Amino acid sequence: MRNVLLCFLFCFCILSQSYAAPCYGPKMPQQKQFFGGLQTYYVFNRTLENDYGKMHSLQDFFLVSYGVFDWLSLDLKGGLGNIRQ
């Protein structure tokens, strides 16, 4: 565990500039702002390959992003789902 922490700290210190993309699309919140959203995935009676039958899926998610700084945001995602085969 200590070696992993030292490696992470070393990599963090030698990088002078890095780029990242927000996890949930092109919108990144400004400092001390947050936004939320909903995601839903539905798959209705999809036929699977190699005679594995059919699949039905329903998944709902709640998303929250908070801008800690202009260049750093915390993205959280939680949800429920049901998958039947």
N, C-alpha and C. Protein backbone atom coordinates (compact mmCIF):
# COMPACT_ATOMS: atom_id res chain seq x y z
N MET A 1 0.82 -1.19 0.00
CA MET A 1 0.00 0.00 0.00
C MET A 1 0.87 1.26 0.00
N ARG A 2 1.94 1.20 0.76
CA ARG A 2 2.82 2.36 0.84
C ARG A 2 3.50 2.63 -0.50
N ASN A 3 3.89 1.55 -1.20
CA ASN A 3 4.53 1.71 -2.51
C ASN A 3 3.58 2.35 -3.52
N VAL A 4 2.32 1.96 -3.48
CA VAL A 4 1.33 2.53 -4.39
C VAL A 4 1.15 4.02 -4.11
N LEU A 5 1.08 4.37 -2.84
CA LEU A 5 0.94 5.78 -2.46
C LEU A 5 2.16 6.60 -2.88
N LEU A 6 3.34 6.06 -2.69
CA LEU A 6 4.56 6.78 -3.10
C LEU A 6 4.64 6.93 -4.61
N CYS A 7 4.23 5.90 -5.35
CA CYS A 7 4.22 5.97 -6.81
C CYS A 7 3.23 7.03 -7.28
N PHE A 8 2.04 7.06 -6.68
CA PHE A 8 1.04 8.06 -7.04
C PHE A 8 1.55 9.47 -6.73
N LEU A 9 2.15 9.64 -5.59
CA LEU A 9 2.68 10.95 -5.20
C LEU A 9 3.79 11.39 -6.14
N PHE A 10 4.66 10.47 -6.51
CA PHE A 10 5.75 10.77 -7.45
C PHE A 10 5.19 11.20 -8.80
N CYS A 11 4.22 10.45 -9.34
CA CYS A 11 3.62 10.80 -10.63
C CYS A 11 2.90 12.14 -10.55
N PHE A 12 2.25 12.41 -9.44
CA PHE A 12 1.54 13.67 -9.27
C PHE A 12 2.52 14.85 -9.24
N CYS A 13 3.67 14.66 -8.64
CA CYS A 13 4.64 15.75 -8.51
C CYS A 13 5.37 16.04 -9.82
N ILE A 14 5.60 15.04 -10.66
CA ILE A 14 6.38 15.29 -11.88
C ILE A 14 5.52 15.83 -13.01
N LEU A 15 4.21 15.70 -12.91
CA LEU A 15 3.35 16.23 -13.97
C LEU A 15 3.11 17.71 -13.74
N SER A 16 3.46 18.51 -14.73
CA SER A 16 3.25 19.95 -14.58
C SER A 16 1.88 20.36 -15.08
N GLN A 17 1.34 19.61 -16.04
CA GLN A 17 0.03 19.94 -16.57
C GLN A 17 -0.62 18.66 -17.09
N SER A 18 -1.88 18.48 -16.77
CA SER A 18 -2.59 17.32 -17.27
C SER A 18 -4.00 17.73 -17.67
N TYR A 19 -4.64 16.92 -18.48
CA TYR A 19 -5.97 17.20 -18.99
C TYR A 19 -6.89 16.04 -18.66
N ALA A 20 -8.15 16.35 -18.46
CA ALA A 20 -9.14 15.32 -18.18
C ALA A 20 -10.47 15.75 -18.78
N ALA A 21 -11.31 14.77 -19.05
CA ALA A 21 -12.65 15.04 -19.55
C ALA A 21 -13.64 14.71 -18.44
N PRO A 22 -14.70 15.48 -18.31
CA PRO A 22 -15.72 15.15 -17.31
C PRO A 22 -16.33 13.78 -17.59
N CYS A 23 -16.74 13.10 -16.56
CA CYS A 23 -17.25 11.74 -16.71
C CYS A 23 -18.59 11.67 -17.43
N TYR A 24 -19.43 12.66 -17.26
CA TYR A 24 -20.79 12.57 -17.75
C TYR A 24 -21.10 13.66 -18.77
N GLY A 25 -20.31 13.73 -19.82
CA GLY A 25 -20.59 14.66 -20.89
C GLY A 25 -19.67 15.87 -20.87
N PRO A 26 -19.92 16.81 -21.77
CA PRO A 26 -19.00 17.94 -21.93
C PRO A 26 -19.17 19.04 -20.89
N LYS A 27 -20.19 18.97 -20.05
CA LYS A 27 -20.42 20.04 -19.08
C LYS A 27 -19.67 19.73 -17.78
N MET A 28 -18.84 20.68 -17.37
CA MET A 28 -18.11 20.54 -16.12
C MET A 28 -18.53 21.70 -15.22
N PRO A 29 -18.92 21.44 -13.99
CA PRO A 29 -19.41 22.52 -13.13
C PRO A 29 -18.29 23.49 -12.73
N GLN A 30 -18.67 24.73 -12.57
CA GLN A 30 -17.72 25.74 -12.09
C GLN A 30 -17.43 25.50 -10.61
N GLN A 31 -16.50 26.24 -10.05
CA GLN A 31 -16.13 26.07 -8.65
C GLN A 31 -17.33 26.35 -7.74
N LYS A 32 -17.56 25.46 -6.78
CA LYS A 32 -18.63 25.54 -5.78
C LYS A 32 -20.03 25.51 -6.38
N GLN A 33 -20.19 24.89 -7.54
CA GLN A 33 -21.50 24.68 -8.13
C GLN A 33 -21.70 23.19 -8.34
N PHE A 34 -22.97 22.77 -8.36
CA PHE A 34 -23.24 21.38 -8.64
C PHE A 34 -24.43 21.28 -9.58
N PHE A 35 -24.50 20.17 -10.25
CA PHE A 35 -25.67 19.87 -11.06
C PHE A 35 -25.94 18.38 -10.98
N GLY A 36 -27.15 18.00 -11.26
CA GLY A 36 -27.55 16.61 -11.20
C GLY A 36 -28.33 16.23 -12.44
N GLY A 37 -28.55 14.97 -12.58
CA GLY A 37 -29.29 14.48 -13.74
C GLY A 37 -29.75 13.05 -13.53
N LEU A 38 -30.52 12.58 -14.46
CA LEU A 38 -31.04 11.21 -14.45
C LEU A 38 -30.63 10.51 -15.73
N GLN A 39 -30.33 9.23 -15.63
CA GLN A 39 -30.04 8.39 -16.78
C GLN A 39 -30.92 7.17 -16.71
N THR A 40 -31.42 6.74 -17.84
CA THR A 40 -32.23 5.54 -17.91
C THR A 40 -31.81 4.72 -19.12
N TYR A 41 -31.63 3.42 -18.91
CA TYR A 41 -31.32 2.49 -19.99
C TYR A 41 -32.40 1.43 -20.02
N TYR A 42 -32.99 1.23 -21.18
CA TYR A 42 -33.97 0.16 -21.39
C TYR A 42 -33.49 -0.71 -22.53
N VAL A 43 -33.53 -2.01 -22.33
CA VAL A 43 -33.28 -2.98 -23.40
C VAL A 43 -34.47 -3.92 -23.39
N PHE A 44 -35.21 -3.95 -24.49
CA PHE A 44 -36.42 -4.76 -24.57
C PHE A 44 -36.17 -6.00 -25.42
N ASN A 45 -36.25 -7.16 -24.82
CA ASN A 45 -36.22 -8.44 -25.52
C ASN A 45 -35.15 -8.54 -26.59
N ARG A 46 -33.93 -8.36 -26.20
CA ARG A 46 -32.81 -8.51 -27.12
C ARG A 46 -32.45 -9.97 -27.25
N THR A 47 -32.36 -10.45 -28.47
CA THR A 47 -31.99 -11.84 -28.72
C THR A 47 -30.47 -11.94 -28.66
N LEU A 48 -29.98 -12.85 -27.82
CA LEU A 48 -28.54 -13.03 -27.64
C LEU A 48 -28.01 -14.06 -28.62
N GLU A 49 -26.72 -14.00 -28.87
CA GLU A 49 -26.08 -14.93 -29.81
C GLU A 49 -25.95 -16.32 -29.20
N ASN A 50 -25.70 -17.30 -30.06
CA ASN A 50 -25.40 -18.69 -29.67
C ASN A 50 -26.47 -19.32 -28.80
N ASP A 51 -27.72 -19.06 -29.09
CA ASP A 51 -28.86 -19.68 -28.39
C ASP A 51 -28.84 -19.45 -26.88
N TYR A 52 -28.43 -18.27 -26.46
CA TYR A 52 -28.47 -17.93 -25.04
C TYR A 52 -29.80 -17.32 -24.62
N GLY A 53 -30.74 -17.22 -25.54
CA GLY A 53 -32.07 -16.73 -25.21
C GLY A 53 -32.21 -15.24 -25.45
N LYS A 54 -33.08 -14.62 -24.66
CA LYS A 54 -33.36 -13.19 -24.77
C LYS A 54 -33.03 -12.50 -23.46
N MET A 55 -32.82 -11.20 -23.54
CA MET A 55 -32.49 -10.41 -22.36
C MET A 55 -33.40 -9.19 -22.32
N HIS A 56 -33.81 -8.82 -21.12
CA HIS A 56 -34.59 -7.61 -20.88
C HIS A 56 -33.92 -6.87 -19.73
N SER A 57 -33.70 -5.56 -19.90
CA SER A 57 -32.98 -4.79 -18.88
C SER A 57 -33.65 -3.45 -18.66
N LEU A 58 -33.71 -3.03 -17.41
CA LEU A 58 -34.21 -1.71 -17.02
C LEU A 58 -33.27 -1.18 -15.94
N GLN A 59 -32.61 -0.03 -16.22
CA GLN A 59 -31.65 0.54 -15.29
C GLN A 59 -31.89 2.03 -15.17
N ASP A 60 -31.96 2.54 -13.94
CA ASP A 60 -32.15 3.97 -13.67
C ASP A 60 -31.02 4.46 -12.77
N PHE A 61 -30.45 5.62 -13.12
CA PHE A 61 -29.33 6.17 -12.37
C PHE A 61 -29.59 7.64 -12.04
N PHE A 62 -29.03 8.09 -10.92
CA PHE A 62 -29.04 9.49 -10.51
C PHE A 62 -27.59 9.97 -10.50
N LEU A 63 -27.31 11.10 -11.14
CA LEU A 63 -25.96 11.63 -11.27
C LEU A 63 -25.83 12.96 -10.55
N VAL A 64 -24.71 13.17 -9.88
CA VAL A 64 -24.42 14.45 -9.22
C VAL A 64 -22.97 14.80 -9.50
N SER A 65 -22.73 16.03 -9.91
CA SER A 65 -21.37 16.54 -10.10
C SER A 65 -21.22 17.82 -9.30
N TYR A 66 -20.11 17.94 -8.59
CA TYR A 66 -19.82 19.12 -7.78
C TYR A 66 -18.45 19.65 -8.16
N GLY A 67 -18.36 20.93 -8.46
CA GLY A 67 -17.09 21.55 -8.83
C GLY A 67 -16.31 21.96 -7.60
N VAL A 68 -15.28 21.22 -7.27
CA VAL A 68 -14.41 21.55 -6.14
C VAL A 68 -13.57 22.78 -6.51
N PHE A 69 -12.95 22.73 -7.68
CA PHE A 69 -12.22 23.84 -8.26
C PHE A 69 -12.69 23.97 -9.71
N ASP A 70 -12.19 24.97 -10.43
CA ASP A 70 -12.54 25.09 -11.84
C ASP A 70 -12.00 23.91 -12.66
N TRP A 71 -10.96 23.28 -12.18
CA TRP A 71 -10.32 22.19 -12.91
C TRP A 71 -10.58 20.82 -12.30
N LEU A 72 -11.37 20.73 -11.22
CA LEU A 72 -11.61 19.45 -10.54
C LEU A 72 -13.06 19.35 -10.14
N SER A 73 -13.68 18.24 -10.48
CA SER A 73 -15.06 18.01 -10.06
C SER A 73 -15.20 16.59 -9.51
N LEU A 74 -16.13 16.43 -8.58
CA LEU A 74 -16.47 15.12 -8.04
C LEU A 74 -17.74 14.65 -8.72
N ASP A 75 -17.70 13.48 -9.33
CA ASP A 75 -18.84 12.92 -10.03
C ASP A 75 -19.30 11.66 -9.30
N LEU A 76 -20.57 11.63 -8.94
CA LEU A 76 -21.15 10.49 -8.24
C LEU A 76 -22.31 9.93 -9.06
N LYS A 77 -22.45 8.62 -9.04
CA LYS A 77 -23.52 7.97 -9.79
C LYS A 77 -24.04 6.81 -8.96
N GLY A 78 -25.35 6.77 -8.78
CA GLY A 78 -25.99 5.68 -8.04
C GLY A 78 -27.28 5.29 -8.73
N GLY A 79 -27.66 4.05 -8.58
CA GLY A 79 -28.88 3.66 -9.27
C GLY A 79 -29.34 2.25 -8.94
N LEU A 80 -30.43 1.89 -9.60
CA LEU A 80 -31.06 0.59 -9.45
C LEU A 80 -31.27 0.00 -10.82
N GLY A 81 -31.33 -1.31 -10.88
CA GLY A 81 -31.59 -1.94 -12.17
C GLY A 81 -32.14 -3.33 -12.01
N ASN A 82 -32.65 -3.85 -13.11
CA ASN A 82 -33.20 -5.18 -13.17
C ASN A 82 -32.84 -5.77 -14.52
N ILE A 83 -32.14 -6.90 -14.52
CA ILE A 83 -31.77 -7.57 -15.76
C ILE A 83 -32.30 -8.99 -15.70
N ARG A 84 -33.08 -9.37 -16.73
CA ARG A 84 -33.61 -10.73 -16.81
C ARG A 84 -33.13 -11.38 -18.10
N GLN A 85 -32.81 -12.66 -17.98
CA GLN A 85 -32.43 -13.43 -19.17
C GLN A 85 -33.32 -14.64 -19.25
